[in-house]
């Protein structure tokens, strides 16, 4: 089962690292992998809860827009193919 952490929890975990607590100890305490901790640190360093929440919203919106564009391109290609068959 994949455990989801809230933005507040991620910020709190990263602040522990900024306070000098060793990464191994933080990972063991919160039952996360080293890779997860370092990924969060790379992605969210210096951010507050609202910043992370907004980033996640923007990433979700970006993904939705990319899917809509891909669908539009596929529809366009299908229409072009249908027109070519007609003529």
C-alpha atoms as a PDB file:
ATOM      1  CA  UNK A   1       0.000   0.000   0.000  1.00  0.00           C
ATOM      2  CA  UNK A   2       1.364   3.390  -0.978  1.00  0.00           C
ATOM      3  CA  UNK A   3       1.366   5.868   1.886  1.00  0.00           C
ATOM      4  CA  UNK A   4       0.428   9.434   1.008  1.00  0.00           C
ATOM      5  CA  UNK A   5       1.852  12.314   2.966  1.00  0.00           C
ATOM      6  CA  UNK A   6       0.127  15.667   3.260  1.00  0.00           C
ATOM      7  CA  UNK A   7       1.890  18.848   2.272  1.00  0.00           C
ATOM      8  CA  UNK A   8       2.202  19.742   5.974  1.00  0.00           C
ATOM      9  CA  UNK A   9       3.867  16.410   6.742  1.00  0.00           C
ATOM     10  CA  UNK A  10       6.331  16.794   3.867  1.00  0.00           C
ATOM     11  CA  UNK A  11       7.276  20.311   5.012  1.00  0.00           C
ATOM     12  CA  UNK A  12       7.722  19.100   8.605  1.00  0.00           C
ATOM     13  CA  UNK A  13       9.913  16.182   7.492  1.00  0.00           C
ATOM     14  CA  UNK A  14      12.081  18.447   5.343  1.00  0.00           C
ATOM     15  CA  UNK A  15      12.419  20.972   8.178  1.00  0.00           C
ATOM     16  CA  UNK A  16      13.831  18.182  10.355  1.00  0.00           C
ATOM     17  CA  UNK A  17      16.531  17.697   7.742  1.00  0.00           C
ATOM     18  CA  UNK A  18      17.218  21.439   7.615  1.00  0.00           C
ATOM     19  CA  UNK A  19      17.569  21.398  11.414  1.00  0.00           C
ATOM     20  CA  UNK A  20      20.458  18.948  11.105  1.00  0.00           C
ATOM     21  CA  UNK A  21      18.774  15.614  11.786  1.00  0.00           C
ATOM     22  CA  UNK A  22      20.520  12.930   9.675  1.00  0.00           C
ATOM     23  CA  UNK A  23      18.545  11.730   6.651  1.00  0.00           C
ATOM     24  CA  UNK A  24      18.785   8.073   7.710  1.00  0.00           C
ATOM     25  CA  UNK A  25      17.210   8.891  11.069  1.00  0.00           C
ATOM     26  CA  UNK A  26      14.401  10.919   9.447  1.00  0.00           C
ATOM     27  CA  UNK A  27      13.646   8.120   6.981  1.00  0.00           C
ATOM     28  CA  UNK A  28      13.544   5.495   9.712  1.00  0.00           C
ATOM     29  CA  UNK A  29      11.362   7.693  11.958  1.00  0.00           C
ATOM     30  CA  UNK A  30       8.787   8.411   9.222  1.00  0.00           C
ATOM     31  CA  UNK A  31       9.084   5.038   7.467  1.00  0.00           C
ATOM     32  CA  UNK A  32      10.088   6.514   4.093  1.00  0.00           C
ATOM     33  CA  UNK A  33      12.849   5.502   1.742  1.00  0.00           C
ATOM     34  CA  UNK A  34      16.025   7.502   1.273  1.00  0.00           C
ATOM     35  CA  UNK A  35      14.984   8.057  -2.336  1.00  0.00           C
ATOM     36  CA  UNK A  36      11.660   9.564  -1.249  1.00  0.00           C
ATOM     37  CA  UNK A  37      13.356  11.911   1.194  1.00  0.00           C
ATOM     38  CA  UNK A  38      15.941  13.105  -1.327  1.00  0.00           C
ATOM     39  CA  UNK A  39      13.302  13.476  -4.055  1.00  0.00           C
ATOM     40  CA  UNK A  40      11.174  15.618  -1.770  1.00  0.00           C
ATOM     41  CA  UNK A  41      14.216  17.647  -0.743  1.00  0.00           C
ATOM     42  CA  UNK A  42      15.189  18.267  -4.349  1.00  0.00           C
ATOM     43  CA  UNK A  43      11.643  19.145  -5.408  1.00  0.00           C
ATOM     44  CA  UNK A  44      10.295  21.022  -2.376  1.00  0.00           C
ATOM     45  CA  UNK A  45      13.336  22.525  -0.609  1.00  0.00           C
ATOM     46  CA  UNK A  46      12.529  25.917   0.848  1.00  0.00           C
ATOM     47  CA  UNK A  47       8.811  25.663   0.107  1.00  0.00           C
ATOM     48  CA  UNK A  48       5.980  26.093   2.557  1.00  0.00           C
ATOM     49  CA  UNK A  49       2.757  24.076   2.654  1.00  0.00           C
ATOM     50  CA  UNK A  50       0.839  26.420   0.333  1.00  0.00           C
ATOM     51  CA  UNK A  51       3.699  26.441  -2.183  1.00  0.00           C
ATOM     52  CA  UNK A  52       3.683  22.639  -2.382  1.00  0.00           C
ATOM     53  CA  UNK A  53      -0.108  22.528  -2.650  1.00  0.00           C
ATOM     54  CA  UNK A  54      -0.028  25.066  -5.519  1.00  0.00           C
ATOM     55  CA  UNK A  55       2.777  23.175  -7.274  1.00  0.00           C
ATOM     56  CA  UNK A  56       0.776  19.941  -7.126  1.00  0.00           C
ATOM     57  CA  UNK A  57      -2.302  21.731  -8.498  1.00  0.00           C
ATOM     58  CA  UNK A  58      -0.286  23.177 -11.363  1.00  0.00           C
ATOM     59  CA  UNK A  59       1.252  19.785 -12.156  1.00  0.00           C
ATOM     60  CA  UNK A  60      -2.208  18.184 -12.241  1.00  0.00           C
ATOM     61  CA  UNK A  61      -3.550  20.968 -14.467  1.00  0.00           C
ATOM     62  CA  UNK A  62      -0.541  20.657 -16.755  1.00  0.00           C
ATOM     63  CA  UNK A  63      -1.118  16.903 -17.094  1.00  0.00           C
ATOM     64  CA  UNK A  64      -4.779  17.468 -17.922  1.00  0.00           C
ATOM     65  CA  UNK A  65      -3.900  20.049 -20.571  1.00  0.00           C
ATOM     66  CA  UNK A  66      -1.320  17.719 -22.116  1.00  0.00           C
ATOM     67  CA  UNK A  67      -3.931  14.944 -22.356  1.00  0.00           C
ATOM     68  CA  UNK A  68      -6.437  17.356 -23.939  1.00  0.00           C
ATOM     69  CA  UNK A  69      -3.837  18.466 -26.478  1.00  0.00           C
ATOM     70  CA  UNK A  70      -2.956  14.864 -27.314  1.00  0.00           C
ATOM     71  CA  UNK A  71      -6.652  14.040 -27.814  1.00  0.00           C
ATOM     72  CA  UNK A  72      -7.056  17.101 -30.026  1.00  0.00           C
ATOM     73  CA  UNK A  73      -4.064  16.113 -32.144  1.00  0.00           C
ATOM     74  CA  UNK A  74      -5.423  12.574 -32.528  1.00  0.00           C
ATOM     75  CA  UNK A  75      -8.837  13.935 -33.582  1.00  0.00           C
ATOM     76  CA  UNK A  76      -7.151  16.261 -36.069  1.00  0.00           C
ATOM     77  CA  UNK A  77      -5.114  13.406 -37.559  1.00  0.00           C
ATOM     78  CA  UNK A  78      -8.238  11.231 -37.838  1.00  0.00           C
ATOM     79  CA  UNK A  79     -10.093  14.013 -39.660  1.00  0.00           C
ATOM     80  CA  UNK A  80      -7.176  14.524 -42.041  1.00  0.00           C
ATOM     81  CA  UNK A  81      -7.076  10.786 -42.785  1.00  0.00           C
ATOM     82  CA  UNK A  82     -10.829  10.735 -43.419  1.00  0.00           C
ATOM     83  CA  UNK A  83     -10.564  13.689 -45.789  1.00  0.00           C
ATOM     84  CA  UNK A  84      -7.724  12.066 -47.707  1.00  0.00           C
ATOM     85  CA  UNK A  85      -9.771   8.875 -48.163  1.00  0.00           C
ATOM     86  CA  UNK A  86     -12.699  10.920 -49.423  1.00  0.00           C
ATOM     87  CA  UNK A  87     -10.650  12.557 -52.170  1.00  0.00           C
END
